[in-house]
């Protein structure tokens, strides 16, 4: 599988968490990623990195994640237009290679903005003809259901390990049409922070990290996983 995104994708290493969860659920996958801090999908379309990866490897699925705010035109009117075009173009490229494509949502803390974001991301996924893995409204629910859970990195913007887990759980249900497996989950891969040293070069999600101070493993207890799954059901 190929993940294409930015720091929202690699902080907490959503690709590696998803890969570990898939193995637990009898769906072994190798996760690769093209990720760079602050990167947009328009950049990945323009530089040809995704096209090169698709021509060199056969992926079962491609997960796209936009920079936070682009689809809300936060970086100017052209940013949302450029984002929608890039999502559609990258989705078409991936689908032509036989891969399933999913747009992984971003998130906003304020309910009103979260609703607008989900609407914009859903529309972009619909235009591209791909499934949408909604995250922001789920996060709103979980912040109420699990108020003691840390959802953000200490910087207050990037995802915590719990939010990376929410990403992975959501993708699991969409890609496999099944509930995620229960039990403890151990992820043996770099658990990146915002300063990762990663560039837009294609890399394995569990490859040795550029920085020697990067954490190399994380364990999610069965109770934590169940609390997120149950919190979403209770709040729906």
Protein backbone atom coordinates (compact mmCIF):
# COMPACT_ATOMS: atom_id res chain seq x y z
CA UNK A 1 0.00 0.00 0.00
CA UNK A 2 1.12 3.54 -0.69
CA UNK A 3 0.41 6.51 1.60
CA UNK A 4 0.85 9.99 0.13
CA UNK A 5 0.73 12.96 2.47
CA UNK A 6 2.50 15.21 4.91
CA UNK A 7 3.17 15.58 8.64
CA UNK A 8 -0.44 14.68 9.45
CA UNK A 9 0.37 11.32 7.87
CA UNK A 10 3.77 10.60 9.35
CA UNK A 11 3.52 12.04 12.88
CA UNK A 12 2.60 8.93 14.85
CA UNK A 13 3.23 6.94 11.63
CA UNK A 14 -0.30 6.15 10.53
CA UNK A 15 1.01 3.93 7.67
CA UNK A 16 2.93 1.69 10.10
CA UNK A 17 0.04 1.57 12.59
CA UNK A 18 -2.31 0.55 9.77
CA UNK A 19 0.15 -2.10 8.55
CA UNK A 20 0.42 -3.60 12.05
CA UNK A 21 -3.37 -3.54 12.46
CA UNK A 22 -3.81 -5.23 9.07
CA UNK A 23 -1.43 -8.03 10.04
CA UNK A 24 -3.42 -8.58 13.24
CA UNK A 25 -6.56 -8.81 11.12
CA UNK A 26 -5.08 -11.39 8.71
CA UNK A 27 -4.56 -8.82 5.95
CA UNK A 28 -0.76 -8.56 5.78
CA UNK A 29 0.39 -5.54 3.82
CA UNK A 30 3.63 -3.68 3.17
CA UNK A 31 3.14 0.04 3.70
CA UNK A 32 5.21 2.56 1.78
CA UNK A 33 4.89 6.31 1.94
CA UNK A 34 5.73 9.53 0.15
CA UNK A 35 5.48 12.10 2.92
CA UNK A 36 7.02 15.47 3.69
CA UNK A 37 6.22 18.14 6.24
CA UNK A 38 3.89 20.81 4.88
CA UNK A 39 3.54 19.06 1.53
CA UNK A 40 0.42 19.26 -0.62
CA UNK A 41 -1.01 16.70 -3.00
CA UNK A 42 -0.55 19.27 -5.77
CA UNK A 43 3.21 19.08 -5.17
CA UNK A 44 3.17 15.30 -5.40
CA UNK A 45 1.24 15.47 -8.64
CA UNK A 46 3.58 18.07 -10.10
CA UNK A 47 6.86 16.37 -9.14
CA UNK A 48 5.75 13.02 -10.56
CA UNK A 49 6.76 11.08 -7.43
CA UNK A 50 3.46 9.23 -7.17
CA UNK A 51 3.40 8.43 -10.88
CA UNK A 52 6.92 7.00 -10.63
CA UNK A 53 6.00 4.85 -7.64
CA UNK A 54 2.89 3.54 -9.41
CA UNK A 55 4.91 2.63 -12.50
CA UNK A 56 7.56 0.81 -10.45
CA UNK A 57 5.31 -1.14 -8.05
CA UNK A 58 1.87 -2.69 -7.99
CA UNK A 59 -0.10 -1.33 -5.04
CA UNK A 60 -3.35 -2.78 -3.76
CA UNK A 61 -4.39 0.60 -2.35
CA UNK A 62 -3.26 4.23 -2.34
CA UNK A 63 -4.16 6.49 0.58
CA UNK A 64 -4.16 10.23 -0.10
CA UNK A 65 -4.08 12.82 2.69
CA UNK A 66 -4.07 16.55 1.97
CA UNK A 67 -2.33 19.23 3.98
CA UNK A 68 -4.62 20.51 6.70
CA UNK A 69 -6.66 23.50 5.53
CA UNK A 70 -6.10 23.30 1.78
CA UNK A 71 -9.63 22.13 1.01
CA UNK A 72 -10.98 24.98 3.17
CA UNK A 73 -9.09 27.50 0.99
CA UNK A 74 -7.00 28.42 4.04
CA UNK A 75 -4.04 29.22 1.81
CA UNK A 76 -6.00 31.32 -0.68
CA UNK A 77 -8.83 30.65 -3.16
CA UNK A 78 -6.59 28.66 -5.48
CA UNK A 79 -5.49 26.23 -2.77
CA UNK A 80 -8.83 24.43 -2.61
CA UNK A 81 -9.15 24.33 -6.40
CA UNK A 82 -5.60 23.00 -6.75
CA UNK A 83 -6.28 20.40 -4.06
CA UNK A 84 -9.44 19.08 -5.70
CA UNK A 85 -7.69 18.82 -9.07
CA UNK A 86 -4.73 17.02 -7.54
CA UNK A 87 -6.93 14.54 -5.65
CA UNK A 88 -8.85 13.73 -8.82
CA UNK A 89 -5.69 13.39 -10.92
CA UNK A 90 -3.82 11.24 -8.41
CA UNK A 91 -6.89 9.07 -7.87
CA UNK A 92 -7.19 8.53 -11.62
CA UNK A 93 -3.51 7.57 -11.86
CA UNK A 94 -3.79 5.10 -9.00
CA UNK A 95 -7.05 3.57 -10.24
CA UNK A 96 -5.57 3.09 -13.71
CA UNK A 97 -2.85 0.95 -12.11
CA UNK A 98 -5.47 -1.25 -10.44
CA UNK A 99 -5.22 0.23 -6.94
CA UNK A 100 -8.11 1.14 -4.69
CA UNK A 101 -7.88 4.79 -3.63
CA UNK A 102 -9.07 6.40 -0.39
CA UNK A 103 -8.98 10.03 0.72
CA UNK A 104 -7.96 10.09 4.39
CA UNK A 105 -9.48 13.12 6.06
CA UNK A 106 -7.76 15.74 8.18
CA UNK A 107 -9.29 17.40 11.25
CA UNK A 108 -10.29 20.65 12.92
CA UNK A 109 -10.93 21.16 16.64
CA UNK A 110 -13.84 23.61 16.38
CA UNK A 111 -17.16 21.90 15.57
CA UNK A 112 -18.32 24.47 13.00
CA UNK A 113 -15.04 24.36 11.10
CA UNK A 114 -14.92 20.59 11.43
CA UNK A 115 -18.30 20.33 9.72
CA UNK A 116 -17.16 22.57 6.86
CA UNK A 117 -13.97 20.56 6.48
CA UNK A 118 -15.81 17.25 6.31
CA UNK A 119 -18.18 18.68 3.72
CA UNK A 120 -15.28 19.91 1.57
CA UNK A 121 -13.29 16.68 1.86
CA UNK A 122 -16.35 14.55 1.15
CA UNK A 123 -17.09 16.61 -1.95
CA UNK A 124 -13.50 16.29 -3.19
CA UNK A 125 -13.57 12.52 -2.71
CA UNK A 126 -16.92 12.35 -4.49
CA UNK A 127 -15.61 14.33 -7.45
CA UNK A 128 -12.66 11.93 -7.68
CA UNK A 129 -14.93 8.89 -7.37
CA UNK A 130 -13.14 7.47 -4.32
CA UNK A 131 -14.14 6.55 -0.74
CA UNK A 132 -13.64 9.11 2.00
CA UNK A 133 -12.20 8.15 5.40
CA UNK A 134 -13.74 10.87 7.55
CA UNK A 135 -11.76 11.77 10.68
CA UNK A 136 -12.70 15.24 11.91
CA UNK A 137 -16.27 14.58 13.07
CA UNK A 138 -15.18 11.26 14.58
CA UNK A 139 -12.61 13.19 16.57
CA UNK A 140 -15.32 15.58 17.77
CA UNK A 141 -17.29 12.60 19.07
CA UNK A 142 -14.30 11.00 20.76
CA UNK A 143 -13.22 14.20 22.47
CA UNK A 144 -16.60 14.13 24.24
CA UNK A 145 -16.73 10.38 24.85
CA UNK A 146 -13.08 10.08 25.98
CA UNK A 147 -12.23 13.50 27.44
CA UNK A 148 -9.08 12.28 29.22
CA UNK A 149 -7.50 10.93 26.04
CA UNK A 150 -4.70 12.91 24.43
CA UNK A 151 -5.54 13.39 20.76
CA UNK A 152 -2.87 15.86 19.73
CA UNK A 153 0.90 16.05 19.79
CA UNK A 154 2.32 18.37 22.47
CA UNK A 155 2.52 21.08 19.78
CA UNK A 156 -1.29 21.13 19.76
CA UNK A 157 -1.56 20.65 16.00
CA UNK A 158 -0.18 17.31 14.89
CA UNK A 159 -1.79 13.96 15.68
CA UNK A 160 -0.94 12.06 18.83
CA UNK A 161 -0.42 8.30 18.74
CA UNK A 162 -4.14 7.96 19.58
CA UNK A 163 -5.15 9.98 16.54
CA UNK A 164 -2.82 7.92 14.34
CA UNK A 165 -4.63 4.88 15.72
CA UNK A 166 -8.01 6.44 14.87
CA UNK A 167 -6.75 6.96 11.30
CA UNK A 168 -5.71 3.32 11.06
CA UNK A 169 -8.94 1.97 12.57
CA UNK A 170 -11.01 4.06 10.15
CA UNK A 171 -9.00 2.91 7.12
CA UNK A 172 -9.25 -0.72 8.24
CA UNK A 173 -13.04 -0.61 8.25
CA UNK A 174 -13.20 1.06 4.85
CA UNK A 175 -10.64 -1.11 3.06
CA UNK A 176 -11.65 -4.46 4.55
CA UNK A 177 -15.33 -3.82 5.31
CA UNK A 178 -14.80 -5.35 8.73
CA UNK A 179 -14.36 -4.33 12.34
CA UNK A 180 -10.73 -3.96 13.44
CA UNK A 181 -9.27 -6.87 15.41
CA UNK A 182 -9.38 -6.74 19.20
CA UNK A 183 -6.38 -7.16 21.47
CA UNK A 184 -3.06 -5.44 22.08
CA UNK A 185 -1.35 -3.97 19.02
CA UNK A 186 2.43 -3.58 18.87
CA UNK A 187 3.86 -1.35 16.14
CA UNK A 188 7.57 -1.90 15.51
CA UNK A 189 8.42 1.07 13.33
CA UNK A 190 9.60 4.67 13.74
CA UNK A 191 7.05 6.71 15.65
CA UNK A 192 7.79 10.07 14.09
CA UNK A 193 7.34 13.49 15.59
CA UNK A 194 6.95 16.71 13.63
CA UNK A 195 10.74 16.99 13.12
CA UNK A 196 11.23 13.69 11.36
CA UNK A 197 13.97 14.24 8.81
CA UNK A 198 11.72 12.65 6.18
CA UNK A 199 11.69 13.94 2.61
CA UNK A 200 9.40 13.18 -0.32
CA UNK A 201 11.50 10.13 -1.25
CA UNK A 202 9.52 6.88 -1.37
CA UNK A 203 10.23 4.91 1.80
CA UNK A 204 8.93 1.96 3.77
CA UNK A 205 6.84 2.92 6.77
CA UNK A 206 9.03 0.73 8.99
CA UNK A 207 12.37 1.73 7.45
CA UNK A 208 15.12 3.01 9.78
CA UNK A 209 14.39 6.68 10.55
CA UNK A 210 16.64 9.55 9.41
CA UNK A 211 17.01 10.75 13.02
CA UNK A 212 18.62 8.52 15.63
CA UNK A 213 16.45 9.93 18.42
CA UNK A 214 13.21 8.66 16.87
CA UNK A 215 11.15 6.27 18.97
CA UNK A 216 11.12 2.81 17.38
CA UNK A 217 8.07 1.08 18.85
CA UNK A 218 4.68 1.73 20.37
CA UNK A 219 2.15 -0.56 22.01
CA UNK A 220 -1.60 0.05 22.01
CA UNK A 221 -3.39 -1.79 24.78
CA UNK A 222 -6.55 -3.73 24.03
CA UNK A 223 -8.54 -1.41 26.29
CA UNK A 224 -7.40 1.69 24.41
CA UNK A 225 -8.40 0.23 21.06
CA UNK A 226 -11.76 -0.93 22.41
CA UNK A 227 -12.42 2.44 24.03
CA UNK A 228 -12.01 4.22 20.68
CA UNK A 229 -14.20 1.71 18.84
CA UNK A 230 -16.85 1.84 21.58
CA UNK A 231 -16.63 5.65 21.84
CA UNK A 232 -17.47 6.00 18.17
CA UNK A 233 -20.41 3.62 18.46
CA UNK A 234 -21.74 5.33 21.59
CA UNK A 235 -21.45 8.78 20.07
CA UNK A 236 -22.98 7.95 16.70
